[in-house]
Amino acid sequence: MTSTSGLGPPRRWPVTLGLVVLTPLILTGCGWLNQGGSGLYTAIAVVITLALLVVAGALCGAGPGTGVAILGFAFVLFVGPALDDYVLDRRGTRHEAVVTANTGFHRKHDTGHTCTVVRSDGGRTRTYEIGDSQGCEATFAPGRRVTLVVDPEDWLATRLGNETHGLSSGMAWTCGGLLAAMEALILYGRLRRKARSF
C-alpha cells in the first residue's frame, strides 16, 4: 500500500515495537497460565499462543516467521516451568508432613509412584497427593517425615522439599537464549520486509 498523502511511506516501527514487546510478555503469561493445572487454562493458553504466533509469523515473513513460531512455542514450554520453580522457591511455605502411603502404578516403560502426605499444623489436617514429578520416590515408606512446599495462593502444584531448588542457571539461560533468538528473528523479519501497509 502506498502513501497518497505525500508524507512518505507508512511507518512500520509501531507494529515492530509492539511485536518485540508484547510477544514475549503474552507468551510468558501463557506459560504461567499452563502451570495452573487446569485443562481449561491450558486450552486458553494454547489458543492464545497459537493465535499470537500465527500473527507474529505473518508479520515477519515466511522464513523468519517460521523461526519466530518455533522459538515462541519452545519459549512457552520452558518459561512456564521456570516461573514455577522461581515462584515456588520464593513464596512457597514449607510445612512438616508425614508420608502415609506410597502407591506404585505401571507406566509404559517403568513404575510411577504417588505419595499420600498428611500435613498437620494449626489444628487442622490436610492431605496431599504428590506424584513422582513433585518429589515422591519409591523409597518413601509410610511414616517418613518430609517437608512440603505449598503455594499460599494454591496456583502451583505442591511439591516435596527435595524437589524445590529454585530457578536453575541452565533453565534461566535456556529461556534467555530462546527469548533473544525469537526477538532477533522478529527484528530481522520486520526489517527485511518492504515498506507496505504494515
N, C-alpha and C. Protein backbone atom coordinates (compact mmCIF):
# COMPACT_ATOMS: atom_id res chain seq x y z
N MET A 1 0.85 -1.17 0.00
CA MET A 1 0.00 0.00 0.00
C MET A 1 0.89 1.22 0.00
N THR A 2 0.63 2.15 -0.89
CA THR A 2 1.46 3.35 -0.99
C THR A 2 0.75 4.50 -0.33
N SER A 3 1.56 5.46 0.06
CA SER A 3 1.00 6.64 0.73
C SER A 3 0.50 7.62 -0.31
N THR A 4 -0.69 8.13 -0.14
CA THR A 4 -1.26 9.10 -1.08
C THR A 4 -1.22 10.51 -0.52
N SER A 5 -0.79 10.67 0.72
CA SER A 5 -0.82 12.00 1.33
C SER A 5 0.46 12.77 1.08
N GLY A 6 1.47 12.16 0.46
CA GLY A 6 2.72 12.85 0.20
C GLY A 6 3.63 12.91 1.41
N LEU A 7 3.30 12.20 2.48
CA LEU A 7 4.12 12.22 3.68
C LEU A 7 5.17 11.12 3.68
N GLY A 8 5.27 10.35 2.64
CA GLY A 8 6.25 9.27 2.58
C GLY A 8 5.59 7.93 2.87
N PRO A 9 6.41 6.89 2.89
CA PRO A 9 5.87 5.55 3.12
C PRO A 9 5.35 5.40 4.54
N PRO A 10 4.42 4.50 4.75
CA PRO A 10 3.89 4.30 6.10
C PRO A 10 4.98 3.77 7.03
N ARG A 11 4.85 4.12 8.30
CA ARG A 11 5.84 3.70 9.29
C ARG A 11 5.50 2.32 9.81
N ARG A 12 6.54 1.51 9.95
CA ARG A 12 6.36 0.15 10.44
C ARG A 12 6.81 -0.01 11.88
N TRP A 13 7.46 0.98 12.44
CA TRP A 13 8.04 0.79 13.77
C TRP A 13 7.01 0.57 14.87
N PRO A 14 5.79 1.14 14.83
CA PRO A 14 4.86 0.82 15.92
C PRO A 14 4.50 -0.67 15.98
N VAL A 15 4.30 -1.28 14.82
CA VAL A 15 3.98 -2.71 14.80
C VAL A 15 5.19 -3.52 15.24
N THR A 16 6.37 -3.13 14.78
CA THR A 16 7.60 -3.84 15.17
C THR A 16 7.82 -3.74 16.67
N LEU A 17 7.67 -2.54 17.21
CA LEU A 17 7.83 -2.35 18.66
C LEU A 17 6.79 -3.17 19.43
N GLY A 18 5.56 -3.17 18.94
CA GLY A 18 4.52 -3.97 19.58
C GLY A 18 4.86 -5.45 19.58
N LEU A 19 5.38 -5.95 18.45
CA LEU A 19 5.76 -7.37 18.38
C LEU A 19 6.91 -7.68 19.32
N VAL A 20 7.91 -6.81 19.36
CA VAL A 20 9.09 -7.06 20.19
C VAL A 20 8.73 -7.04 21.67
N VAL A 21 7.84 -6.15 22.07
CA VAL A 21 7.50 -6.01 23.50
C VAL A 21 6.38 -6.98 23.91
N LEU A 22 5.31 -7.01 23.14
CA LEU A 22 4.13 -7.76 23.57
C LEU A 22 4.25 -9.27 23.36
N THR A 23 4.95 -9.71 22.33
CA THR A 23 5.05 -11.15 22.08
C THR A 23 5.64 -11.90 23.26
N PRO A 24 6.83 -11.49 23.79
CA PRO A 24 7.35 -12.25 24.94
C PRO A 24 6.50 -12.11 26.19
N LEU A 25 5.88 -10.95 26.39
CA LEU A 25 5.03 -10.78 27.58
C LEU A 25 3.82 -11.70 27.53
N ILE A 26 3.17 -11.76 26.38
CA ILE A 26 1.99 -12.62 26.25
C ILE A 26 2.38 -14.09 26.33
N LEU A 27 3.50 -14.45 25.71
CA LEU A 27 3.95 -15.85 25.78
C LEU A 27 4.33 -16.24 27.20
N THR A 28 4.93 -15.32 27.95
CA THR A 28 5.24 -15.59 29.35
C THR A 28 3.96 -15.80 30.15
N GLY A 29 2.95 -14.96 29.89
CA GLY A 29 1.66 -15.14 30.55
C GLY A 29 1.02 -16.48 30.22
N CYS A 30 1.15 -16.92 28.98
CA CYS A 30 0.61 -18.23 28.60
C CYS A 30 1.36 -19.36 29.29
N GLY A 31 2.67 -19.21 29.42
CA GLY A 31 3.45 -20.22 30.14
C GLY A 31 3.04 -20.31 31.59
N TRP A 32 2.78 -19.15 32.21
CA TRP A 32 2.33 -19.12 33.61
C TRP A 32 0.93 -19.72 33.73
N LEU A 33 0.07 -19.43 32.76
CA LEU A 33 -1.29 -19.97 32.78
C LEU A 33 -1.28 -21.50 32.70
N ASN A 34 -0.32 -22.05 31.98
CA ASN A 34 -0.20 -23.52 31.89
C ASN A 34 0.11 -24.17 33.22
N GLN A 35 0.69 -23.43 34.16
CA GLN A 35 1.08 -24.01 35.44
C GLN A 35 -0.10 -24.16 36.39
N GLY A 36 -1.27 -23.63 36.03
CA GLY A 36 -2.43 -23.69 36.90
C GLY A 36 -2.99 -25.09 37.11
N GLY A 37 -2.66 -26.02 36.25
CA GLY A 37 -3.10 -27.40 36.43
C GLY A 37 -4.49 -27.69 35.93
N SER A 38 -5.13 -26.73 35.30
CA SER A 38 -6.48 -26.93 34.79
C SER A 38 -6.44 -27.12 33.28
N GLY A 39 -7.24 -28.04 32.78
CA GLY A 39 -7.32 -28.25 31.34
C GLY A 39 -7.86 -27.03 30.61
N LEU A 40 -8.79 -26.31 31.24
CA LEU A 40 -9.34 -25.11 30.63
C LEU A 40 -8.28 -24.04 30.49
N TYR A 41 -7.48 -23.82 31.54
CA TYR A 41 -6.41 -22.82 31.47
C TYR A 41 -5.39 -23.19 30.40
N THR A 42 -5.07 -24.46 30.31
CA THR A 42 -4.12 -24.91 29.29
C THR A 42 -4.68 -24.69 27.90
N ALA A 43 -5.96 -24.99 27.70
CA ALA A 43 -6.59 -24.78 26.39
C ALA A 43 -6.60 -23.30 26.02
N ILE A 44 -6.91 -22.43 26.98
CA ILE A 44 -6.90 -20.99 26.72
C ILE A 44 -5.49 -20.54 26.35
N ALA A 45 -4.49 -21.02 27.09
CA ALA A 45 -3.11 -20.64 26.81
C ALA A 45 -2.67 -21.12 25.43
N VAL A 46 -3.08 -22.32 25.04
CA VAL A 46 -2.71 -22.85 23.73
C VAL A 46 -3.34 -22.02 22.62
N VAL A 47 -4.61 -21.67 22.76
CA VAL A 47 -5.29 -20.87 21.73
C VAL A 47 -4.63 -19.50 21.60
N ILE A 48 -4.34 -18.86 22.72
CA ILE A 48 -3.69 -17.54 22.68
C ILE A 48 -2.30 -17.65 22.07
N THR A 49 -1.55 -18.67 22.47
CA THR A 49 -0.20 -18.86 21.94
C THR A 49 -0.22 -19.08 20.43
N LEU A 50 -1.09 -19.96 19.96
CA LEU A 50 -1.16 -20.23 18.53
C LEU A 50 -1.58 -19.00 17.74
N ALA A 51 -2.59 -18.28 18.22
CA ALA A 51 -3.04 -17.07 17.52
C ALA A 51 -1.92 -16.03 17.47
N LEU A 52 -1.26 -15.82 18.59
CA LEU A 52 -0.18 -14.83 18.64
C LEU A 52 0.96 -15.21 17.71
N LEU A 53 1.36 -16.47 17.71
CA LEU A 53 2.48 -16.88 16.87
C LEU A 53 2.13 -16.87 15.39
N VAL A 54 0.88 -17.14 15.05
CA VAL A 54 0.46 -17.04 13.64
C VAL A 54 0.53 -15.58 13.18
N VAL A 55 0.03 -14.66 13.99
CA VAL A 55 0.07 -13.24 13.63
C VAL A 55 1.51 -12.74 13.56
N ALA A 56 2.31 -13.07 14.58
CA ALA A 56 3.71 -12.63 14.58
C ALA A 56 4.46 -13.22 13.39
N GLY A 57 4.20 -14.48 13.09
CA GLY A 57 4.86 -15.10 11.95
C GLY A 57 4.46 -14.46 10.63
N ALA A 58 3.18 -14.12 10.48
CA ALA A 58 2.72 -13.48 9.26
C ALA A 58 3.32 -12.08 9.10
N LEU A 59 3.47 -11.37 10.19
CA LEU A 59 4.03 -10.02 10.12
C LEU A 59 5.54 -10.01 9.90
N CYS A 60 6.20 -11.13 10.13
CA CYS A 60 7.65 -11.20 9.96
C CYS A 60 8.07 -11.81 8.63
N GLY A 61 7.17 -12.39 7.89
CA GLY A 61 7.53 -13.03 6.63
C GLY A 61 7.70 -14.53 6.82
N ALA A 62 7.81 -15.23 5.70
CA ALA A 62 7.78 -16.70 5.74
C ALA A 62 8.96 -17.31 6.50
N GLY A 63 10.17 -16.98 6.15
CA GLY A 63 11.34 -17.59 6.80
C GLY A 63 11.47 -17.22 8.26
N PRO A 64 11.62 -15.92 8.55
CA PRO A 64 11.73 -15.52 9.95
C PRO A 64 10.48 -15.84 10.75
N GLY A 65 9.32 -15.76 10.12
CA GLY A 65 8.07 -16.05 10.81
C GLY A 65 8.00 -17.49 11.29
N THR A 66 8.51 -18.41 10.48
CA THR A 66 8.57 -19.81 10.91
C THR A 66 9.48 -19.97 12.11
N GLY A 67 10.62 -19.29 12.07
CA GLY A 67 11.54 -19.32 13.21
C GLY A 67 10.93 -18.73 14.46
N VAL A 68 10.20 -17.62 14.30
CA VAL A 68 9.53 -16.98 15.44
C VAL A 68 8.51 -17.94 16.04
N ALA A 69 7.75 -18.62 15.19
CA ALA A 69 6.73 -19.55 15.69
C ALA A 69 7.37 -20.71 16.45
N ILE A 70 8.43 -21.28 15.91
CA ILE A 70 9.09 -22.42 16.57
C ILE A 70 9.72 -21.99 17.89
N LEU A 71 10.46 -20.88 17.85
CA LEU A 71 11.12 -20.41 19.07
C LEU A 71 10.11 -19.94 20.11
N GLY A 72 9.02 -19.32 19.65
CA GLY A 72 7.99 -18.87 20.59
C GLY A 72 7.32 -20.04 21.29
N PHE A 73 7.04 -21.10 20.54
CA PHE A 73 6.44 -22.28 21.15
C PHE A 73 7.39 -22.92 22.15
N ALA A 74 8.66 -23.02 21.79
CA ALA A 74 9.66 -23.58 22.73
C ALA A 74 9.80 -22.69 23.96
N PHE A 75 9.74 -21.38 23.76
CA PHE A 75 9.83 -20.44 24.89
C PHE A 75 8.70 -20.66 25.88
N VAL A 76 7.48 -20.85 25.38
CA VAL A 76 6.34 -21.11 26.27
C VAL A 76 6.54 -22.40 27.05
N LEU A 77 7.08 -23.42 26.39
CA LEU A 77 7.30 -24.70 27.07
C LEU A 77 8.33 -24.60 28.19
N PHE A 78 9.32 -23.72 28.04
CA PHE A 78 10.36 -23.60 29.06
C PHE A 78 10.06 -22.54 30.10
N VAL A 79 9.42 -21.44 29.71
CA VAL A 79 9.24 -20.33 30.66
C VAL A 79 8.22 -20.67 31.74
N GLY A 80 7.22 -21.49 31.44
CA GLY A 80 6.24 -21.87 32.46
C GLY A 80 6.88 -22.61 33.63
N PRO A 81 7.59 -23.72 33.38
CA PRO A 81 8.26 -24.41 34.48
C PRO A 81 9.33 -23.55 35.17
N ALA A 82 9.99 -22.66 34.41
CA ALA A 82 10.99 -21.78 35.03
C ALA A 82 10.32 -20.84 36.02
N LEU A 83 9.18 -20.27 35.64
CA LEU A 83 8.44 -19.42 36.57
C LEU A 83 7.94 -20.22 37.76
N ASP A 84 7.48 -21.44 37.51
CA ASP A 84 7.03 -22.32 38.58
C ASP A 84 8.14 -22.53 39.61
N ASP A 85 9.33 -22.89 39.14
CA ASP A 85 10.46 -23.11 40.05
C ASP A 85 10.81 -21.85 40.83
N TYR A 86 10.87 -20.73 40.13
CA TYR A 86 11.26 -19.47 40.77
C TYR A 86 10.24 -19.03 41.82
N VAL A 87 8.97 -19.03 41.44
CA VAL A 87 7.92 -18.52 42.33
C VAL A 87 7.73 -19.45 43.53
N LEU A 88 7.73 -20.75 43.31
CA LEU A 88 7.53 -21.67 44.43
C LEU A 88 8.70 -21.59 45.41
N ASP A 89 9.90 -21.36 44.91
CA ASP A 89 11.05 -21.20 45.81
C ASP A 89 10.94 -19.91 46.61
N ARG A 90 10.40 -18.85 46.01
CA ARG A 90 10.32 -17.55 46.68
C ARG A 90 9.14 -17.43 47.65
N ARG A 91 7.95 -17.82 47.18
CA ARG A 91 6.77 -17.58 48.02
C ARG A 91 6.18 -18.84 48.64
N GLY A 92 6.71 -19.99 48.29
CA GLY A 92 6.19 -21.24 48.85
C GLY A 92 6.45 -21.33 50.34
N THR A 93 5.46 -21.85 51.07
CA THR A 93 5.62 -22.04 52.51
C THR A 93 5.94 -23.50 52.78
N ARG A 94 6.86 -23.71 53.68
CA ARG A 94 7.31 -25.07 53.99
C ARG A 94 6.62 -25.58 55.24
N HIS A 95 6.16 -26.83 55.18
CA HIS A 95 5.46 -27.46 56.29
C HIS A 95 6.02 -28.86 56.50
N GLU A 96 6.10 -29.25 57.76
CA GLU A 96 6.49 -30.63 58.07
C GLU A 96 5.28 -31.53 57.85
N ALA A 97 5.52 -32.70 57.29
CA ALA A 97 4.43 -33.63 56.99
C ALA A 97 4.95 -35.06 57.10
N VAL A 98 4.01 -36.01 57.01
CA VAL A 98 4.34 -37.43 57.13
C VAL A 98 3.75 -38.17 55.94
N VAL A 99 4.54 -39.07 55.34
CA VAL A 99 4.04 -39.93 54.27
C VAL A 99 3.18 -41.01 54.90
N THR A 100 1.93 -41.14 54.44
CA THR A 100 1.04 -42.17 54.98
C THR A 100 0.90 -43.36 54.03
N ALA A 101 1.15 -43.15 52.75
CA ALA A 101 1.06 -44.25 51.78
C ALA A 101 1.92 -43.92 50.58
N ASN A 102 2.44 -44.97 49.96
CA ASN A 102 3.22 -44.83 48.73
C ASN A 102 2.68 -45.86 47.75
N THR A 103 1.97 -45.39 46.75
CA THR A 103 1.31 -46.27 45.80
C THR A 103 2.08 -46.27 44.48
N GLY A 104 2.38 -47.45 44.00
CA GLY A 104 3.04 -47.58 42.70
C GLY A 104 2.02 -47.87 41.62
N PHE A 105 2.29 -47.41 40.42
CA PHE A 105 1.42 -47.71 39.29
C PHE A 105 2.29 -47.94 38.06
N HIS A 106 1.77 -48.71 37.13
CA HIS A 106 2.52 -49.09 35.94
C HIS A 106 2.42 -48.00 34.88
N ARG A 107 3.57 -47.60 34.37
CA ARG A 107 3.63 -46.72 33.21
C ARG A 107 4.19 -47.52 32.05
N LYS A 108 4.30 -46.91 30.92
CA LYS A 108 4.71 -47.63 29.72
C LYS A 108 6.07 -48.32 29.88
N HIS A 109 7.06 -47.62 30.43
CA HIS A 109 8.40 -48.19 30.49
C HIS A 109 8.94 -48.36 31.91
N ASP A 110 8.20 -47.91 32.90
CA ASP A 110 8.69 -48.04 34.28
C ASP A 110 7.51 -47.96 35.24
N THR A 111 7.80 -47.77 36.50
CA THR A 111 6.77 -47.68 37.52
C THR A 111 6.76 -46.28 38.10
N GLY A 112 5.58 -45.68 38.17
CA GLY A 112 5.43 -44.37 38.80
C GLY A 112 4.97 -44.53 40.24
N HIS A 113 5.10 -43.47 41.00
CA HIS A 113 4.72 -43.52 42.41
C HIS A 113 3.92 -42.28 42.79
N THR A 114 2.97 -42.49 43.67
CA THR A 114 2.19 -41.40 44.24
C THR A 114 2.24 -41.55 45.75
N CYS A 115 2.68 -40.49 46.42
CA CYS A 115 2.74 -40.49 47.88
C CYS A 115 1.53 -39.73 48.43
N THR A 116 0.89 -40.31 49.42
CA THR A 116 -0.14 -39.60 50.17
C THR A 116 0.56 -39.00 51.38
N VAL A 117 0.52 -37.69 51.48
CA VAL A 117 1.25 -36.97 52.52
C VAL A 117 0.25 -36.19 53.36
N VAL A 118 0.36 -36.30 54.68
CA VAL A 118 -0.55 -35.62 55.60
C VAL A 118 0.21 -34.54 56.33
N ARG A 119 -0.35 -33.35 56.27
CA ARG A 119 0.21 -32.20 56.98
C ARG A 119 -0.72 -31.87 58.13
N SER A 120 -0.18 -31.77 59.30
CA SER A 120 -0.99 -31.48 60.48
C SER A 120 -0.37 -30.30 61.20
N ASP A 121 -0.94 -29.13 60.98
CA ASP A 121 -0.47 -27.94 61.69
C ASP A 121 -1.64 -26.98 61.85
N GLY A 122 -1.59 -26.19 62.87
CA GLY A 122 -2.66 -25.22 63.11
C GLY A 122 -3.97 -25.86 63.48
N GLY A 123 -3.97 -27.10 63.98
CA GLY A 123 -5.19 -27.73 64.43
C GLY A 123 -6.00 -28.41 63.35
N ARG A 124 -5.58 -28.32 62.10
CA ARG A 124 -6.34 -29.00 61.04
C ARG A 124 -5.39 -29.89 60.24
N THR A 125 -5.95 -30.93 59.68
CA THR A 125 -5.17 -31.89 58.92
C THR A 125 -5.48 -31.73 57.43
N ARG A 126 -4.43 -31.70 56.63
CA ARG A 126 -4.60 -31.60 55.18
C ARG A 126 -3.86 -32.75 54.53
N THR A 127 -4.47 -33.33 53.52
CA THR A 127 -3.88 -34.46 52.80
C THR A 127 -3.54 -34.02 51.38
N TYR A 128 -2.36 -34.41 50.91
CA TYR A 128 -1.90 -34.08 49.56
C TYR A 128 -1.51 -35.36 48.84
N GLU A 129 -1.79 -35.41 47.56
CA GLU A 129 -1.32 -36.50 46.69
C GLU A 129 -0.15 -35.93 45.89
N ILE A 130 1.03 -36.47 46.12
CA ILE A 130 2.24 -35.98 45.48
C ILE A 130 2.75 -37.03 44.51
N GLY A 131 2.87 -36.67 43.24
CA GLY A 131 3.38 -37.60 42.23
C GLY A 131 4.90 -37.63 42.21
N ASP A 132 5.43 -38.54 41.41
CA ASP A 132 6.89 -38.65 41.37
C ASP A 132 7.54 -37.44 40.71
N SER A 133 6.83 -36.71 39.89
CA SER A 133 7.41 -35.49 39.32
C SER A 133 7.47 -34.35 40.34
N GLN A 134 6.75 -34.47 41.45
CA GLN A 134 6.81 -33.48 42.53
C GLN A 134 7.65 -33.96 43.71
N GLY A 135 8.33 -35.07 43.58
CA GLY A 135 9.27 -35.47 44.61
C GLY A 135 9.03 -36.81 45.28
N CYS A 136 7.94 -37.49 44.99
CA CYS A 136 7.70 -38.81 45.59
C CYS A 136 8.65 -39.83 44.97
N GLU A 137 9.24 -40.65 45.83
CA GLU A 137 10.17 -41.67 45.35
C GLU A 137 9.73 -43.04 45.85
N ALA A 138 10.21 -44.07 45.19
CA ALA A 138 9.84 -45.44 45.55
C ALA A 138 10.32 -45.80 46.95
N THR A 139 11.35 -45.15 47.43
CA THR A 139 11.93 -45.48 48.74
C THR A 139 11.21 -44.82 49.90
N PHE A 140 10.22 -43.98 49.63
CA PHE A 140 9.50 -43.30 50.71
C PHE A 140 8.51 -44.26 51.35
N ALA A 141 8.82 -44.70 52.55
CA ALA A 141 7.96 -45.64 53.27
C ALA A 141 6.96 -44.86 54.13
N PRO A 142 5.79 -45.45 54.42
CA PRO A 142 4.86 -44.79 55.33
C PRO A 142 5.53 -44.49 56.67
N GLY A 143 5.26 -43.30 57.18
CA GLY A 143 5.86 -42.86 58.43
C GLY A 143 7.05 -41.94 58.23
N ARG A 144 7.55 -41.85 57.00
CA ARG A 144 8.70 -40.98 56.73
C ARG A 144 8.29 -39.52 56.85
N ARG A 145 9.12 -38.74 57.51
CA ARG A 145 8.87 -37.31 57.66
C ARG A 145 9.46 -36.58 56.46
N VAL A 146 8.67 -35.69 55.88
CA VAL A 146 9.10 -34.93 54.70
C VAL A 146 8.73 -33.47 54.90
N THR A 147 9.26 -32.63 54.02
CA THR A 147 8.92 -31.21 54.02
C THR A 147 8.09 -30.92 52.78
N LEU A 148 6.90 -30.36 52.97
CA LEU A 148 6.04 -29.96 51.86
C LEU A 148 6.30 -28.49 51.55
N VAL A 149 6.29 -28.15 50.27
CA VAL A 149 6.36 -26.75 49.85
C VAL A 149 5.03 -26.45 49.16
N VAL A 150 4.25 -25.56 49.78
CA VAL A 150 2.89 -25.27 49.33
C VAL A 150 2.82 -23.83 48.85
N ASP A 151 2.19 -23.63 47.70
CA ASP A 151 1.94 -22.28 47.21
C ASP A 151 0.79 -21.69 48.00
N PRO A 152 0.99 -20.55 48.70
CA PRO A 152 -0.10 -19.99 49.50
C PRO A 152 -1.31 -19.56 48.67
N GLU A 153 -1.11 -19.27 47.40
CA GLU A 153 -2.24 -18.89 46.54
C GLU A 153 -2.87 -20.09 45.85
N ASP A 154 -2.31 -21.28 46.09
CA ASP A 154 -2.84 -22.55 45.57
C ASP A 154 -2.91 -22.58 44.04
N TRP A 155 -2.00 -21.90 43.38
CA TRP A 155 -1.94 -21.92 41.92
C TRP A 155 -0.99 -23.02 41.43
N LEU A 156 0.16 -23.13 42.09
CA LEU A 156 1.17 -24.09 41.69
C LEU A 156 1.00 -25.40 42.44
N ALA A 157 1.43 -26.48 41.82
CA ALA A 157 1.32 -27.80 42.45
C ALA A 157 2.24 -27.88 43.66
N THR A 158 1.75 -28.54 44.70
CA THR A 158 2.54 -28.74 45.92
C THR A 158 3.66 -29.74 45.62
N ARG A 159 4.84 -29.47 46.17
CA ARG A 159 5.99 -30.35 45.98
C ARG A 159 6.58 -30.73 47.32
N LEU A 160 7.38 -31.75 47.28
CA LEU A 160 8.19 -32.09 48.45
C LEU A 160 9.44 -31.22 48.43
N GLY A 161 9.98 -30.96 49.60
CA GLY A 161 11.13 -30.06 49.73
C GLY A 161 12.35 -30.48 48.94
N ASN A 162 12.51 -31.79 48.69
CA ASN A 162 13.68 -32.24 47.93
C ASN A 162 13.59 -31.89 46.45
N GLU A 163 12.43 -31.44 45.97
CA GLU A 163 12.26 -31.06 44.57
C GLU A 163 12.15 -29.56 44.38
N THR A 164 12.40 -28.77 45.40
CA THR A 164 12.29 -27.32 45.29
C THR A 164 13.68 -26.72 45.44
N HIS A 165 14.26 -26.37 44.31
CA HIS A 165 15.62 -25.84 44.30
C HIS A 165 15.68 -24.43 43.74
N GLY A 166 14.58 -23.85 43.37
CA GLY A 166 14.60 -22.53 42.74
C GLY A 166 14.93 -22.66 41.26
N LEU A 167 15.11 -21.53 40.64
CA LEU A 167 15.39 -21.48 39.20
C LEU A 167 16.85 -21.85 38.96
N SER A 168 17.06 -22.87 38.16
CA SER A 168 18.44 -23.29 37.86
C SER A 168 19.04 -22.37 36.80
N SER A 169 20.35 -22.27 36.81
CA SER A 169 21.00 -21.40 35.83
C SER A 169 20.80 -21.94 34.41
N GLY A 170 20.74 -23.26 34.26
CA GLY A 170 20.51 -23.83 32.94
C GLY A 170 19.15 -23.44 32.38
N MET A 171 18.13 -23.47 33.23
CA MET A 171 16.79 -23.08 32.79
C MET A 171 16.74 -21.59 32.46
N ALA A 172 17.41 -20.77 33.27
CA ALA A 172 17.44 -19.33 33.00
C ALA A 172 18.14 -19.04 31.68
N TRP A 173 19.27 -19.70 31.43
CA TRP A 173 19.99 -19.49 30.17
C TRP A 173 19.19 -19.99 28.98
N THR A 174 18.48 -21.09 29.14
CA THR A 174 17.66 -21.62 28.05
C THR A 174 16.55 -20.64 27.70
N CYS A 175 15.84 -20.14 28.71
CA CYS A 175 14.77 -19.17 28.46
C CYS A 175 15.32 -17.89 27.84
N GLY A 176 16.45 -17.42 28.37
CA GLY A 176 17.07 -16.21 27.83
C GLY A 176 17.52 -16.39 26.39
N GLY A 177 18.10 -17.54 26.07
CA GLY A 177 18.54 -17.80 24.70
C GLY A 177 17.38 -17.89 23.73
N LEU A 178 16.31 -18.58 24.13
CA LEU A 178 15.13 -18.66 23.27
C LEU A 178 14.51 -17.29 23.06
N LEU A 179 14.45 -16.50 24.12
CA LEU A 179 13.89 -15.14 24.02
C LEU A 179 14.74 -14.28 23.09
N ALA A 180 16.06 -14.31 23.26
CA ALA A 180 16.94 -13.49 22.42
C ALA A 180 16.84 -13.90 20.95
N ALA A 181 16.81 -15.20 20.68
CA ALA A 181 16.71 -15.67 19.29
C ALA A 181 15.37 -15.28 18.68
N MET A 182 14.29 -15.40 19.46
CA MET A 182 12.97 -15.04 18.95
C MET A 182 12.90 -13.54 18.65
N GLU A 183 13.43 -12.72 19.56
CA GLU A 183 13.42 -11.27 19.35
C GLU A 183 14.27 -10.89 18.14
N ALA A 184 15.42 -11.55 17.97
CA ALA A 184 16.27 -11.26 16.81
C ALA A 184 15.56 -11.60 15.51
N LEU A 185 14.85 -12.71 15.48
CA LEU A 185 14.11 -13.07 14.27
C LEU A 185 12.94 -12.13 14.01
N ILE A 186 12.30 -11.65 15.07
CA ILE A 186 11.23 -10.67 14.88
C ILE A 186 11.80 -9.41 14.24
N LEU A 187 12.90 -8.91 14.79
CA LEU A 187 13.52 -7.70 14.23
C LEU A 187 14.00 -7.93 12.80
N TYR A 188 14.65 -9.06 12.57
CA TYR A 188 15.14 -9.37 11.23
C TYR A 188 13.98 -9.45 10.24
N GLY A 189 12.94 -10.15 10.60
CA GLY A 189 11.79 -10.30 9.71
C GLY A 189 11.10 -8.98 9.43
N ARG A 190 10.99 -8.14 10.44
CA ARG A 190 10.32 -6.85 10.24
C ARG A 190 11.19 -5.90 9.42
N LEU A 191 12.50 -5.93 9.64
CA LEU A 191 13.38 -5.01 8.92
C LEU A 191 13.58 -5.40 7.46
N ARG A 192 13.47 -6.66 7.14
CA ARG A 192 13.68 -7.06 5.75
C ARG A 192 12.42 -6.94 4.91
N ARG A 193 11.31 -6.73 5.54
CA ARG A 193 10.08 -6.57 4.76
C ARG A 193 10.07 -5.19 4.11
N LYS A 194 9.56 -5.14 2.92
CA LYS A 194 9.47 -3.86 2.23
C LYS A 194 8.41 -3.01 2.89
N ALA A 195 8.53 -1.73 2.73
CA ALA A 195 7.54 -0.81 3.31
C ALA A 195 6.20 -1.02 2.63
N ARG A 196 5.31 -1.65 3.37
CA ARG A 196 3.97 -1.89 2.87
C ARG A 196 2.98 -1.36 3.89
N SER A 197 1.81 -1.92 3.90
CA SER A 197 0.78 -1.41 4.81
C SER A 197 1.09 -1.70 6.25
N PHE A 198 2.00 -2.65 6.56
CA PHE A 198 2.38 -2.91 7.93
C PHE A 198 3.87 -3.08 7.99
